[in-house]
Amino acid sequence: MLPATSKLCAAISYRHLRNMTGLRRQAAVAISQELSRLACRSPGPSSWIHQVRRRSSLLSSRLEEKPFSEMEMSYIKQGEEALQKSLRILEDQDGWKTETVAGNGDKVLSKVLPDVGKVFRLEVVVDQPLDSVYGELVDNMEQMGDWNPNVKEVKILEKIGKDTVITHEKAAATPGNIVGPRDFVSVRCSKRRGSTCVLAGMSTTYGAMPEQEGFVRAENGPTCMVLRPLPGSPSRTRLTWLLSIDLKGWLPKTIINQVLSQTQVDFAKHLRQRLAQPVPV
């Protein structure tokens, strides 16, 4: 088996054969099988075998994906960056101050970060399974304006692979027009690992969506939502929403803080109402 594997690997080293996806996939599978056979003969597989098997599995999966352009890869990296930054902020438990606590236990906290500014953190429990919450926030993203009064419209401008999208969002005017019309262009990244889902995003530039007349182009991010089944109650979901927004324009900080924290509380209320509606047959 090993000589045959060597020949297969040698074949894909030739320039005119490297682009033959089927042959590359066959080589990756052969390498993985050979490593598994070697591992079985030894009393315990060494770390390098684990590492190479893992990388060969990644290679096999990547060969199934279409290649991305340089611009697409840039958006993918931005989404990953937003995800990693958001998780680092949430992992640091120090310095959070309570902004508001609703009667049902919904809580908004905040902290000021040197390189980001003030960020808000919503902690709620939704009486719906994770799949339902995930489906509403990701699969039905463009319908958010139907149930969230703070959102006028969400439009997907481009999908990149399985995990990344570019979106244009229009925020609804606040009562009394305290904060005028804002819009955002964002790159969003969704990752699902076991029982945890992370939906992250940040502002980006997109040539096909320049600044719109009548709207102030605001910026967000890093921001994310983390969904996890409630321990001991898998039919309920714990939702954590990290919100970081620069609304731009001349707005007093007291008004911004009040608007953003209330936006999070309202979001939880409207999400529950949406998920409580019967699913159309």
C-alpha atoms as a PDB file:
ATOM      1  CA  MET A   1       0.000   0.000   0.000  1.00  0.00           C
ATOM      2  CA  LEU A   2       2.807   2.437   0.922  1.00  0.00           C
ATOM      3  CA  PRO A   3       4.606   2.228  -2.477  1.00  0.00           C
ATOM      4  CA  ALA A   4       1.315   2.837  -4.251  1.00  0.00           C
ATOM      5  CA  THR A   5       0.646   5.820  -2.015  1.00  0.00           C
ATOM      6  CA  SER A   6       4.095   7.190  -2.783  1.00  0.00           C
ATOM      7  CA  LYS A   7       3.466   6.917  -6.513  1.00  0.00           C
ATOM      8  CA  LEU A   8       0.134   8.670  -6.145  1.00  0.00           C
ATOM      9  CA  CYS A   9       1.728  11.508  -4.192  1.00  0.00           C
ATOM     10  CA  ALA A  10       4.528  11.736  -6.753  1.00  0.00           C
ATOM     11  CA  ALA A  11       1.952  11.992  -9.523  1.00  0.00           C
ATOM     12  CA  ILE A  12       0.293  15.046  -8.046  1.00  0.00           C
ATOM     13  CA  SER A  13       3.672  16.750  -7.786  1.00  0.00           C
ATOM     14  CA  TYR A  14       3.777  17.116 -11.561  1.00  0.00           C
ATOM     15  CA  ARG A  15       2.542  20.546 -12.511  1.00  0.00           C
ATOM     16  CA  HIS A  16       0.160  19.385 -15.229  1.00  0.00           C
ATOM     17  CA  LEU A  17      -1.512  16.920 -12.844  1.00  0.00           C
ATOM     18  CA  ARG A  18      -1.813  19.062  -9.726  1.00  0.00           C
ATOM     19  CA  ASN A  19      -5.040  20.637 -10.918  1.00  0.00           C
ATOM     20  CA  MET A  20      -6.789  17.265 -11.243  1.00  0.00           C
ATOM     21  CA  THR A  21      -9.065  17.462  -8.218  1.00  0.00           C
ATOM     22  CA  GLY A  22     -10.059  13.807  -8.290  1.00  0.00           C
ATOM     23  CA  LEU A  23      -6.447  12.660  -8.212  1.00  0.00           C
ATOM     24  CA  ARG A  24      -5.601  15.002  -5.342  1.00  0.00           C
ATOM     25  CA  ARG A  25      -8.607  13.781  -3.393  1.00  0.00           C
ATOM     26  CA  GLN A  26      -7.598  10.172  -4.040  1.00  0.00           C
ATOM     27  CA  ALA A  27      -4.093  10.941  -2.755  1.00  0.00           C
ATOM     28  CA  ALA A  28      -5.445  12.551   0.408  1.00  0.00           C
ATOM     29  CA  VAL A  29      -7.691   9.565   1.116  1.00  0.00           C
ATOM     30  CA  ALA A  30      -4.826   7.134   0.473  1.00  0.00           C
ATOM     31  CA  ILE A  31      -2.543   9.015   2.876  1.00  0.00           C
ATOM     32  CA  SER A  32      -5.216   8.998   5.564  1.00  0.00           C
ATOM     33  CA  GLN A  33      -5.825   5.259   5.158  1.00  0.00           C
ATOM     34  CA  GLU A  34      -2.104   4.488   5.284  1.00  0.00           C
ATOM     35  CA  LEU A  35      -1.641   6.532   8.454  1.00  0.00           C
ATOM     36  CA  SER A  36      -4.566   4.727  10.082  1.00  0.00           C
ATOM     37  CA  ARG A  37      -2.986   1.358   9.172  1.00  0.00           C
ATOM     38  CA  LEU A  38       0.366   2.385  10.660  1.00  0.00           C
ATOM     39  CA  ALA A  39      -1.334   3.661  13.786  1.00  0.00           C
ATOM     40  CA  CYS A  40      -3.075   0.347  14.324  1.00  0.00           C
ATOM     41  CA  ARG A  41       0.259  -1.532  14.216  1.00  0.00           C
ATOM     42  CA  SER A  42       1.878   0.619  16.872  1.00  0.00           C
ATOM     43  CA  PRO A  43       0.913   0.500  20.584  1.00  0.00           C
ATOM     44  CA  GLY A  44      -0.120   4.139  20.540  1.00  0.00           C
ATOM     45  CA  PRO A  45      -0.216   6.613  17.657  1.00  0.00           C
ATOM     46  CA  SER A  46       2.326   9.400  17.994  1.00  0.00           C
ATOM     47  CA  SER A  47       1.368  13.046  17.946  1.00  0.00           C
ATOM     48  CA  TRP A  48       2.645  13.604  14.412  1.00  0.00           C
ATOM     49  CA  ILE A  49       0.352  10.876  13.072  1.00  0.00           C
ATOM     50  CA  HIS A  50      -2.610  12.569  14.725  1.00  0.00           C
ATOM     51  CA  GLN A  51      -1.550  15.895  13.297  1.00  0.00           C
ATOM     52  CA  VAL A  52      -0.998  14.644   9.755  1.00  0.00           C
ATOM     53  CA  ARG A  53      -4.262  12.680   9.779  1.00  0.00           C
ATOM     54  CA  ARG A  54      -6.064  15.795  10.893  1.00  0.00           C
ATOM     55  CA  ARG A  55      -4.454  17.864   8.158  1.00  0.00           C
ATOM     56  CA  SER A  56      -5.155  15.249   5.510  1.00  0.00           C
ATOM     57  CA  SER A  57      -8.808  15.226   6.572  1.00  0.00           C
ATOM     58  CA  LEU A  58      -8.850  19.002   6.230  1.00  0.00           C
ATOM     59  CA  LEU A  59      -7.289  18.650   2.796  1.00  0.00           C
ATOM     60  CA  SER A  60      -9.966  16.169   1.726  1.00  0.00           C
ATOM     61  CA  SER A  61     -12.720  18.532   2.853  1.00  0.00           C
ATOM     62  CA  ARG A  62     -11.131  21.568   1.239  1.00  0.00           C
ATOM     63  CA  LEU A  63     -10.842  19.774  -2.081  1.00  0.00           C
ATOM     64  CA  GLU A  64     -14.625  19.559  -2.093  1.00  0.00           C
ATOM     65  CA  GLU A  65     -14.930  23.343  -1.854  1.00  0.00           C
ATOM     66  CA  LYS A  66     -14.703  25.704  -4.776  1.00  0.00           C
ATOM     67  CA  PRO A  67     -11.669  28.002  -4.729  1.00  0.00           C
ATOM     68  CA  PHE A  68     -12.237  31.518  -3.419  1.00  0.00           C
ATOM     69  CA  SER A  69     -11.046  34.731  -5.007  1.00  0.00           C
ATOM     70  CA  GLU A  70      -8.654  37.043  -3.186  1.00  0.00           C
ATOM     71  CA  MET A  71     -11.532  39.356  -2.303  1.00  0.00           C
ATOM     72  CA  GLU A  72     -13.678  36.476  -1.015  1.00  0.00           C
ATOM     73  CA  MET A  73     -10.803  35.240   1.135  1.00  0.00           C
ATOM     74  CA  SER A  74     -10.470  38.764   2.535  1.00  0.00           C
ATOM     75  CA  TYR A  75     -14.125  38.715   3.642  1.00  0.00           C
ATOM     76  CA  ILE A  76     -13.744  35.223   5.132  1.00  0.00           C
ATOM     77  CA  LYS A  77     -10.749  36.403   7.154  1.00  0.00           C
ATOM     78  CA  GLN A  78     -12.672  39.465   8.349  1.00  0.00           C
ATOM     79  CA  GLY A  79     -15.471  37.218   9.583  1.00  0.00           C
ATOM     80  CA  GLU A  80     -13.019  34.965  11.411  1.00  0.00           C
ATOM     81  CA  GLU A  81     -11.351  38.008  12.939  1.00  0.00           C
ATOM     82  CA  ALA A  82     -14.701  39.301  14.209  1.00  0.00           C
ATOM     83  CA  LEU A  83     -15.450  35.899  15.719  1.00  0.00           C
ATOM     84  CA  GLN A  84     -12.104  35.594  17.505  1.00  0.00           C
ATOM     85  CA  LYS A  85     -12.160  39.169  18.838  1.00  0.00           C
ATOM     86  CA  SER A  86     -15.733  38.787  20.086  1.00  0.00           C
ATOM     87  CA  LEU A  87     -14.986  35.567  21.929  1.00  0.00           C
ATOM     88  CA  ARG A  88     -11.927  37.089  23.584  1.00  0.00           C
ATOM     89  CA  ILE A  89     -14.076  39.965  24.856  1.00  0.00           C
ATOM     90  CA  LEU A  90     -16.730  37.612  26.213  1.00  0.00           C
ATOM     91  CA  GLU A  91     -14.170  35.327  27.856  1.00  0.00           C
ATOM     92  CA  ASP A  92     -12.865  38.185  29.992  1.00  0.00           C
ATOM     93  CA  GLN A  93     -15.313  38.309  32.891  1.00  0.00           C
ATOM     94  CA  ASP A  94     -13.726  41.301  34.628  1.00  0.00           C
ATOM     95  CA  GLY A  95     -15.023  44.861  34.482  1.00  0.00           C
ATOM     96  CA  TRP A  96     -18.614  44.260  33.375  1.00  0.00           C
ATOM     97  CA  LYS A  97     -21.185  46.633  34.896  1.00  0.00           C
ATOM     98  CA  THR A  98     -24.928  46.081  34.976  1.00  0.00           C
ATOM     99  CA  GLU A  99     -26.889  48.450  32.743  1.00  0.00           C
ATOM    100  CA  THR A 100     -30.371  47.017  33.231  1.00  0.00           C
ATOM    101  CA  VAL A 101     -32.155  43.928  34.528  1.00  0.00           C
ATOM    102  CA  ALA A 102     -35.662  43.155  33.244  1.00  0.00           C
ATOM    103  CA  GLY A 103     -38.375  41.551  35.363  1.00  0.00           C
ATOM    104  CA  ASN A 104     -37.978  38.232  33.519  1.00  0.00           C
ATOM    105  CA  GLY A 105     -34.251  38.062  34.269  1.00  0.00           C
ATOM    106  CA  ASP A 106     -32.943  39.452  30.968  1.00  0.00           C
ATOM    107  CA  LYS A 107     -29.770  41.359  31.737  1.00  0.00           C
ATOM    108  CA  VAL A 108     -27.644  43.915  29.878  1.00  0.00           C
ATOM    109  CA  LEU A 109     -24.085  44.569  31.018  1.00  0.00           C
ATOM    110  CA  SER A 110     -21.404  46.862  29.620  1.00  0.00           C
ATOM    111  CA  LYS A 111     -17.709  47.606  29.780  1.00  0.00           C
ATOM    112  CA  VAL A 112     -15.299  50.017  28.100  1.00  0.00           C
ATOM    113  CA  LEU A 113     -12.427  48.555  26.085  1.00  0.00           C
ATOM    114  CA  PRO A 114      -9.405  50.664  25.123  1.00  0.00           C
ATOM    115  CA  ASP A 115      -9.334  49.631  21.455  1.00  0.00           C
ATOM    116  CA  VAL A 116     -13.086  49.192  20.898  1.00  0.00           C
ATOM    117  CA  GLY A 117     -14.989  51.591  23.112  1.00  0.00           C
ATOM    118  CA  LYS A 118     -18.114  50.720  25.058  1.00  0.00           C
ATOM    119  CA  VAL A 119     -19.583  47.295  24.406  1.00  0.00           C
ATOM    120  CA  PHE A 120     -22.889  45.831  25.613  1.00  0.00           C
ATOM    121  CA  ARG A 121     -23.637  42.248  26.583  1.00  0.00           C
ATOM    122  CA  LEU A 122     -27.140  40.775  26.661  1.00  0.00           C
ATOM    123  CA  GLU A 123     -27.737  37.591  28.671  1.00  0.00           C
ATOM    124  CA  VAL A 124     -31.113  35.880  28.193  1.00  0.00           C
ATOM    125  CA  VAL A 125     -32.741  32.456  28.184  1.00  0.00           C
ATOM    126  CA  VAL A 126     -35.191  31.673  25.388  1.00  0.00           C
ATOM    127  CA  ASP A 127     -37.794  28.943  25.864  1.00  0.00           C
ATOM    128  CA  GLN A 128     -37.063  27.410  22.477  1.00  0.00           C
ATOM    129  CA  PRO A 129     -34.533  24.782  21.334  1.00  0.00           C
ATOM    130  CA  LEU A 130     -31.265  25.957  19.840  1.00  0.00           C
ATOM    131  CA  ASP A 131     -32.144  24.840  16.307  1.00  0.00           C
ATOM    132  CA  SER A 132     -35.210  27.076  16.268  1.00  0.00           C
ATOM    133  CA  VAL A 133     -33.265  30.115  17.474  1.00  0.00           C
ATOM    134  CA  TYR A 134     -30.402  29.443  15.068  1.00  0.00           C
ATOM    135  CA  GLY A 135     -32.777  29.001  12.147  1.00  0.00           C
ATOM    136  CA  GLU A 136     -34.480  32.320  12.829  1.00  0.00           C
ATOM    137  CA  LEU A 137     -31.261  34.285  13.241  1.00  0.00           C
ATOM    138  CA  VAL A 138     -29.283  32.690  10.405  1.00  0.00           C
ATOM    139  CA  ASP A 139     -31.493  30.888   7.900  1.00  0.00           C
ATOM    140  CA  ASN A 140     -34.264  33.508   8.090  1.00  0.00           C
ATOM    141  CA  MET A 141     -31.963  36.484   8.534  1.00  0.00           C
ATOM    142  CA  GLU A 142     -33.632  38.569   5.818  1.00  0.00           C
ATOM    143  CA  GLN A 143     -36.996  38.293   7.589  1.00  0.00           C
ATOM    144  CA  MET A 144     -35.774  40.081  10.720  1.00  0.00           C
ATOM    145  CA  GLY A 145     -37.431  43.325   9.644  1.00  0.00           C
ATOM    146  CA  ASP A 146     -40.795  41.524   9.806  1.00  0.00           C
ATOM    147  CA  TRP A 147     -40.630  40.988  13.564  1.00  0.00           C
ATOM    148  CA  ASN A 148     -38.015  43.353  15.002  1.00  0.00           C
ATOM    149  CA  PRO A 149     -39.286  46.978  14.973  1.00  0.00           C
ATOM    150  CA  ASN A 150     -35.718  48.249  15.425  1.00  0.00           C
ATOM    151  CA  VAL A 151     -34.744  46.777  12.042  1.00  0.00           C
ATOM    152  CA  LYS A 152     -36.141  48.153   8.818  1.00  0.00           C
ATOM    153  CA  GLU A 153     -34.451  45.727   6.438  1.00  0.00           C
ATOM    154  CA  VAL A 154     -31.733  43.084   6.241  1.00  0.00           C
ATOM    155  CA  LYS A 155     -30.521  42.094   2.803  1.00  0.00           C
ATOM    156  CA  ILE A 156     -27.892  39.498   1.922  1.00  0.00           C
ATOM    157  CA  LEU A 157     -25.624  41.018  -0.719  1.00  0.00           C
ATOM    158  CA  GLU A 158     -23.363  38.008  -1.239  1.00  0.00           C
ATOM    159  CA  LYS A 159     -22.842  34.506   0.129  1.00  0.00           C
ATOM    160  CA  ILE A 160     -19.287  33.216   0.378  1.00  0.00           C
ATOM    161  CA  GLY A 161     -19.000  29.512   1.070  1.00  0.00           C
ATOM    162  CA  LYS A 162     -21.071  27.945   3.814  1.00  0.00           C
ATOM    163  CA  ASP A 163     -20.262  30.276   6.710  1.00  0.00           C
ATOM    164  CA  THR A 164     -19.831  33.839   5.436  1.00  0.00           C
ATOM    165  CA  VAL A 165     -22.252  36.445   4.071  1.00  0.00           C
ATOM    166  CA  ILE A 166     -22.109  40.163   3.277  1.00  0.00           C
ATOM    167  CA  THR A 167     -25.228  42.011   4.429  1.00  0.00           C
ATOM    168  CA  HIS A 168     -26.790  45.461   4.241  1.00  0.00           C
ATOM    169  CA  GLU A 169     -28.931  46.428   7.222  1.00  0.00           C
ATOM    170  CA  LYS A 170     -31.150  49.452   7.629  1.00  0.00           C
ATOM    171  CA  ALA A 171     -32.046  50.438  11.184  1.00  0.00           C
ATOM    172  CA  ALA A 172     -35.507  51.777  11.891  1.00  0.00           C
ATOM    173  CA  ALA A 173     -35.793  55.323  13.208  1.00  0.00           C
ATOM    174  CA  THR A 174     -35.959  55.608  16.997  1.00  0.00           C
ATOM    175  CA  PRO A 175     -39.039  57.106  18.684  1.00  0.00           C
ATOM    176  CA  GLY A 176     -38.998  60.860  18.272  1.00  0.00           C
ATOM    177  CA  ASN A 177     -36.236  60.393  15.684  1.00  0.00           C
ATOM    178  CA  ILE A 178     -33.657  60.851  18.446  1.00  0.00           C
ATOM    179  CA  VAL A 179     -31.265  58.803  16.325  1.00  0.00           C
ATOM    180  CA  GLY A 180     -31.765  59.366  12.610  1.00  0.00           C
ATOM    181  CA  PRO A 181     -31.707  56.642   9.916  1.00  0.00           C
ATOM    182  CA  ARG A 182     -28.589  54.469  10.073  1.00  0.00           C
ATOM    183  CA  ASP A 183     -27.406  51.679   7.841  1.00  0.00           C
ATOM    184  CA  PHE A 184     -24.598  49.132   8.025  1.00  0.00           C
ATOM    185  CA  VAL A 185     -22.635  46.951   5.614  1.00  0.00           C
ATOM    186  CA  SER A 186     -21.339  43.913   7.469  1.00  0.00           C
ATOM    187  CA  VAL A 187     -19.502  40.667   6.973  1.00  0.00           C
ATOM    188  CA  ARG A 188     -21.080  37.896   9.034  1.00  0.00           C
ATOM    189  CA  CYS A 189     -19.621  34.538   9.990  1.00  0.00           C
ATOM    190  CA  SER A 190     -21.622  31.664  11.496  1.00  0.00           C
ATOM    191  CA  LYS A 191     -19.917  28.676  13.113  1.00  0.00           C
ATOM    192  CA  ARG A 192     -21.496  25.655  14.736  1.00  0.00           C
ATOM    193  CA  ARG A 193     -19.331  23.430  16.926  1.00  0.00           C
ATOM    194  CA  GLY A 194     -21.174  20.675  18.728  1.00  0.00           C
ATOM    195  CA  SER A 195     -23.876  22.197  20.893  1.00  0.00           C
ATOM    196  CA  THR A 196     -22.550  25.775  20.607  1.00  0.00           C
ATOM    197  CA  CYS A 197     -23.281  28.233  17.799  1.00  0.00           C
ATOM    198  CA  VAL A 198     -21.468  31.527  17.276  1.00  0.00           C
ATOM    199  CA  LEU A 199     -22.755  34.217  14.925  1.00  0.00           C
ATOM    200  CA  ALA A 200     -20.150  36.974  14.549  1.00  0.00           C
ATOM    201  CA  GLY A 201     -19.797  40.076  12.434  1.00  0.00           C
ATOM    202  CA  MET A 202     -18.179  43.423  11.828  1.00  0.00           C
ATOM    203  CA  SER A 203     -18.463  46.346   9.424  1.00  0.00           C
ATOM    204  CA  THR A 204     -16.834  46.064   6.024  1.00  0.00           C
ATOM    205  CA  THR A 205     -16.738  47.855   2.681  1.00  0.00           C
ATOM    206  CA  TYR A 206     -18.557  46.503  -0.350  1.00  0.00           C
ATOM    207  CA  GLY A 207     -18.233  48.236  -3.697  1.00  0.00           C
ATOM    208  CA  ALA A 208     -21.767  47.437  -4.811  1.00  0.00           C
ATOM    209  CA  MET A 209     -23.258  49.092  -1.694  1.00  0.00           C
ATOM    210  CA  PRO A 210     -21.857  52.615  -1.284  1.00  0.00           C
ATOM    211  CA  GLU A 211     -23.289  55.068   1.256  1.00  0.00           C
ATOM    212  CA  GLN A 212     -27.021  55.598   0.717  1.00  0.00           C
ATOM    213  CA  GLU A 213     -28.760  58.939   0.481  1.00  0.00           C
ATOM    214  CA  GLY A 214     -30.781  59.679   3.603  1.00  0.00           C
ATOM    215  CA  PHE A 215     -28.766  57.280   5.803  1.00  0.00           C
ATOM    216  CA  VAL A 216     -25.708  57.713   8.003  1.00  0.00           C
ATOM    217  CA  ARG A 217     -23.336  54.781   7.433  1.00  0.00           C
ATOM    218  CA  ALA A 218     -22.669  53.513  10.950  1.00  0.00           C
ATOM    219  CA  GLU A 219     -20.146  50.861  11.963  1.00  0.00           C
ATOM    220  CA  ASN A 220     -20.441  47.773  14.111  1.00  0.00           C
ATOM    221  CA  GLY A 221     -18.142  45.151  15.469  1.00  0.00           C
ATOM    222  CA  PRO A 222     -16.722  43.127  16.652  1.00  0.00           C
ATOM    223  CA  THR A 223     -20.110  41.722  17.581  1.00  0.00           C
ATOM    224  CA  CYS A 224     -21.472  38.231  18.050  1.00  0.00           C
ATOM    225  CA  MET A 225     -24.247  36.046  19.397  1.00  0.00           C
ATOM    226  CA  VAL A 226     -23.471  32.807  21.215  1.00  0.00           C
ATOM    227  CA  LEU A 227     -26.195  30.155  21.435  1.00  0.00           C
ATOM    228  CA  ARG A 228     -25.998  27.205  23.835  1.00  0.00           C
ATOM    229  CA  PRO A 229     -28.564  24.747  25.210  1.00  0.00           C
ATOM    230  CA  LEU A 230     -29.440  25.595  28.782  1.00  0.00           C
ATOM    231  CA  PRO A 231     -27.715  23.034  31.079  1.00  0.00           C
ATOM    232  CA  GLY A 232     -30.256  20.518  32.294  1.00  0.00           C
ATOM    233  CA  SER A 233     -32.927  21.880  29.946  1.00  0.00           C
ATOM    234  CA  PRO A 234     -31.951  21.198  26.306  1.00  0.00           C
ATOM    235  CA  SER A 235     -35.269  22.521  24.979  1.00  0.00           C
ATOM    236  CA  ARG A 236     -34.254  26.024  26.125  1.00  0.00           C
ATOM    237  CA  THR A 237     -31.436  28.195  24.773  1.00  0.00           C
ATOM    238  CA  ARG A 238     -29.052  30.572  26.503  1.00  0.00           C
ATOM    239  CA  LEU A 239     -28.316  33.527  24.219  1.00  0.00           C
ATOM    240  CA  THR A 240     -25.431  35.937  24.772  1.00  0.00           C
ATOM    241  CA  TRP A 241     -25.250  38.962  22.476  1.00  0.00           C
ATOM    242  CA  LEU A 242     -22.144  41.138  22.382  1.00  0.00           C
ATOM    243  CA  LEU A 243     -22.988  44.477  20.772  1.00  0.00           C
ATOM    244  CA  SER A 244     -20.427  47.056  19.661  1.00  0.00           C
ATOM    245  CA  ILE A 245     -21.665  49.956  17.512  1.00  0.00           C
ATOM    246  CA  ASP A 246     -20.423  53.354  16.455  1.00  0.00           C
ATOM    247  CA  LEU A 247     -23.550  55.231  15.358  1.00  0.00           C
ATOM    248  CA  LYS A 248     -21.504  58.139  13.965  1.00  0.00           C
ATOM    249  CA  GLY A 249     -22.804  61.688  13.994  1.00  0.00           C
ATOM    250  CA  TRP A 250     -23.072  64.084  16.917  1.00  0.00           C
ATOM    251  CA  LEU A 251     -24.921  62.133  19.601  1.00  0.00           C
ATOM    252  CA  PRO A 252     -24.536  62.451  23.387  1.00  0.00           C
ATOM    253  CA  LYS A 253     -23.092  59.301  24.965  1.00  0.00           C
ATOM    254  CA  THR A 254     -25.971  59.106  27.439  1.00  0.00           C
ATOM    255  CA  ILE A 255     -28.455  58.820  24.559  1.00  0.00           C
ATOM    256  CA  ILE A 256     -26.317  56.245  22.734  1.00  0.00           C
ATOM    257  CA  ASN A 257     -25.990  54.086  25.844  1.00  0.00           C
ATOM    258  CA  GLN A 258     -29.727  54.242  26.526  1.00  0.00           C
ATOM    259  CA  VAL A 259     -30.650  53.422  22.923  1.00  0.00           C
ATOM    260  CA  LEU A 260     -28.252  50.477  22.592  1.00  0.00           C
ATOM    261  CA  SER A 261     -29.109  48.798  25.882  1.00  0.00           C
ATOM    262  CA  GLN A 262     -32.841  49.203  25.188  1.00  0.00           C
ATOM    263  CA  THR A 263     -32.320  47.814  21.691  1.00  0.00           C
ATOM    264  CA  GLN A 264     -30.952  44.610  23.192  1.00  0.00           C
ATOM    265  CA  VAL A 265     -33.810  44.239  25.684  1.00  0.00           C
ATOM    266  CA  ASP A 266     -36.345  44.848  22.920  1.00  0.00           C
ATOM    267  CA  PHE A 267     -34.615  42.325  20.663  1.00  0.00           C
ATOM    268  CA  ALA A 268     -35.046  39.555  23.231  1.00  0.00           C
ATOM    269  CA  LYS A 269     -38.719  40.380  23.653  1.00  0.00           C
ATOM    270  CA  HIS A 270     -39.467  40.414  19.928  1.00  0.00           C
ATOM    271  CA  LEU A 271     -37.421  37.264  19.295  1.00  0.00           C
ATOM    272  CA  ARG A 272     -39.486  35.375  21.861  1.00  0.00           C
ATOM    273  CA  GLN A 273     -42.701  36.600  20.252  1.00  0.00           C
ATOM    274  CA  ARG A 274     -41.481  35.521  16.830  1.00  0.00           C
ATOM    275  CA  LEU A 275     -40.452  32.042  17.986  1.00  0.00           C
ATOM    276  CA  ALA A 276     -43.774  31.582  19.805  1.00  0.00           C
ATOM    277  CA  GLN A 277     -45.675  31.934  16.543  1.00  0.00           C
ATOM    278  CA  PRO A 278     -46.881  28.673  14.969  1.00  0.00           C
ATOM    279  CA  VAL A 279     -44.692  27.418  12.151  1.00  0.00           C
ATOM    280  CA  PRO A 280     -46.505  27.676   8.775  1.00  0.00           C
ATOM    281  CA  VAL A 281     -47.299  24.285   7.252  1.00  0.00           C
END
